[in-house]
C-alpha atoms as a PDB file:
ATOM      1  CA  MET A   1     -16.317   4.684  -7.242  1.00  0.00           C
ATOM      2  CA  THR A   2     -13.524   2.206  -7.807  1.00  0.00           C
ATOM      3  CA  ARG A   3     -12.783  -0.040 -10.755  1.00  0.00           C
ATOM      4  CA  GLU A   4     -12.705  -3.118  -8.580  1.00  0.00           C
ATOM      5  CA  GLY A   5     -14.796  -5.823 -10.204  1.00  0.00           C
ATOM      6  CA  LEU A   6     -14.323  -4.388 -13.719  1.00  0.00           C
ATOM      7  CA  THR A   7     -12.307  -5.989 -16.497  1.00  0.00           C
ATOM      8  CA  ARG A   8     -10.900  -3.526 -19.025  1.00  0.00           C
ATOM      9  CA  LEU A   9     -11.636  -4.806 -22.535  1.00  0.00           C
ATOM     10  CA  THR A  10     -10.039  -2.037 -24.596  1.00  0.00           C
ATOM     11  CA  GLY A  11      -6.786  -0.138 -24.723  1.00  0.00           C
ATOM     12  CA  THR A  12      -4.683  -3.224 -24.066  1.00  0.00           C
ATOM     13  CA  VAL A  13      -5.889  -6.021 -26.386  1.00  0.00           C
ATOM     14  CA  ASN A  14      -5.202  -6.041 -30.165  1.00  0.00           C
ATOM     15  CA  GLY A  15      -5.433  -2.296 -30.431  1.00  0.00           C
ATOM     16  CA  PRO A  16      -3.682   0.920 -29.589  1.00  0.00           C
ATOM     17  CA  THR A  17      -2.856   1.105 -25.916  1.00  0.00           C
ATOM     18  CA  CYS A  18      -3.877   4.018 -23.780  1.00  0.00           C
ATOM     19  CA  ASP A  19      -1.352   4.625 -21.037  1.00  0.00           C
ATOM     20  CA  ASP A  20      -3.607   6.876 -18.993  1.00  0.00           C
ATOM     21  CA  ASP A  21      -7.221   6.344 -17.986  1.00  0.00           C
ATOM     22  CA  ASP A  22      -8.710   9.428 -19.622  1.00  0.00           C
ATOM     23  CA  CYS A  23      -9.399   7.887 -23.041  1.00  0.00           C
ATOM     24  CA  PRO A  24     -12.508   6.044 -24.289  1.00  0.00           C
ATOM     25  CA  ASN A  25     -12.701   2.478 -22.972  1.00  0.00           C
ATOM     26  CA  VAL A  26     -15.090  -0.409 -22.473  1.00  0.00           C
ATOM     27  CA  TYR A  27     -15.150  -2.421 -19.247  1.00  0.00           C
ATOM     28  CA  ARG A  28     -17.057  -5.554 -18.281  1.00  0.00           C
ATOM     29  CA  HIS A  29     -18.646  -5.769 -14.837  1.00  0.00           C
ATOM     30  CA  ASP A  30     -17.383  -9.082 -13.473  1.00  0.00           C
ATOM     31  CA  GLU A  31     -20.469  -9.924 -11.394  1.00  0.00           C
ATOM     32  CA  ARG A  32     -23.259  -8.512 -13.551  1.00  0.00           C
ATOM     33  CA  GLY A  33     -21.802  -9.250 -16.988  1.00  0.00           C
ATOM     34  CA  SER A  34     -22.817  -5.756 -18.119  1.00  0.00           C
ATOM     35  CA  LEU A  35     -20.643  -3.359 -20.108  1.00  0.00           C
ATOM     36  CA  ILE A  36     -19.455  -0.037 -18.716  1.00  0.00           C
ATOM     37  CA  ILE A  37     -18.592   2.605 -21.314  1.00  0.00           C
ATOM     38  CA  GLN A  38     -16.137   5.450 -20.701  1.00  0.00           C
ATOM     39  CA  GLY A  39     -16.126   8.310 -23.179  1.00  0.00           C
ATOM     40  CA  SER A  40     -16.725  11.976 -23.775  1.00  0.00           C
ATOM     41  CA  THR A  41     -20.096  13.306 -22.661  1.00  0.00           C
ATOM     42  CA  PHE A  42     -22.475  13.700 -25.603  1.00  0.00           C
ATOM     43  CA  GLU A  43     -24.883  16.622 -25.365  1.00  0.00           C
ATOM     44  CA  GLY A  44     -27.009  15.765 -28.448  1.00  0.00           C
ATOM     45  CA  PHE A  45     -30.245  15.433 -26.479  1.00  0.00           C
ATOM     46  CA  ARG A  46     -31.430  15.220 -22.894  1.00  0.00           C
ATOM     47  CA  VAL A  47     -31.791  11.842 -21.210  1.00  0.00           C
ATOM     48  CA  PRO A  48     -33.652  10.943 -17.990  1.00  0.00           C
ATOM     49  CA  ASP A  49     -32.050  11.655 -14.627  1.00  0.00           C
ATOM     50  CA  GLY A  50     -29.560   8.976 -13.669  1.00  0.00           C
ATOM     51  CA  GLU A  51     -28.602   8.247 -17.292  1.00  0.00           C
ATOM     52  CA  ALA A  52     -25.884   9.657 -19.530  1.00  0.00           C
ATOM     53  CA  LEU A  53     -24.833   9.570 -23.151  1.00  0.00           C
ATOM     54  CA  VAL A  54     -21.164   9.010 -23.994  1.00  0.00           C
ATOM     55  CA  GLU A  55     -19.432   9.112 -27.332  1.00  0.00           C
ATOM     56  CA  ILE A  56     -16.627   6.684 -28.170  1.00  0.00           C
ATOM     57  CA  PRO A  57     -14.871   5.785 -31.423  1.00  0.00           C
ATOM     58  CA  GLU A  58     -16.228   2.803 -33.370  1.00  0.00           C
ATOM     59  CA  GLY A  59     -12.819   1.138 -33.144  1.00  0.00           C
ATOM     60  CA  VAL A  60     -13.118   0.971 -29.356  1.00  0.00           C
ATOM     61  CA  LEU A  61     -16.362  -1.022 -29.634  1.00  0.00           C
ATOM     62  CA  ARG A  62     -14.815  -3.305 -32.254  1.00  0.00           C
ATOM     63  CA  GLU A  63     -11.864  -3.948 -29.946  1.00  0.00           C
ATOM     64  CA  ALA A  64     -14.236  -4.769 -27.062  1.00  0.00           C
ATOM     65  CA  ALA A  65     -16.202  -7.164 -29.285  1.00  0.00           C
ATOM     66  CA  ARG A  66     -12.968  -8.961 -30.248  1.00  0.00           C
ATOM     67  CA  ALA A  67     -11.946  -9.198 -26.576  1.00  0.00           C
ATOM     68  CA  LEU A  68     -15.317 -10.832 -25.809  1.00  0.00           C
ATOM     69  CA  GLY A  69     -14.975 -13.227 -28.754  1.00  0.00           C
ATOM     70  CA  TRP A  70     -17.963 -11.773 -30.620  1.00  0.00           C
END
């Protein structure tokens, strides 16, 4: 899967930058308007097939909200 069509909202705007792509981030899907979350896999409980739980720092979500003007 490529990142084409995604706008990175975190790691570059009003927050600490992440030079590589292996840190928690929030992306916006340009066509769908949905948010794509990148983070560490969370194993707290089992979710249905095709779904996943990820864990990201609160500051990453705050940065994404600022980038979206929320």
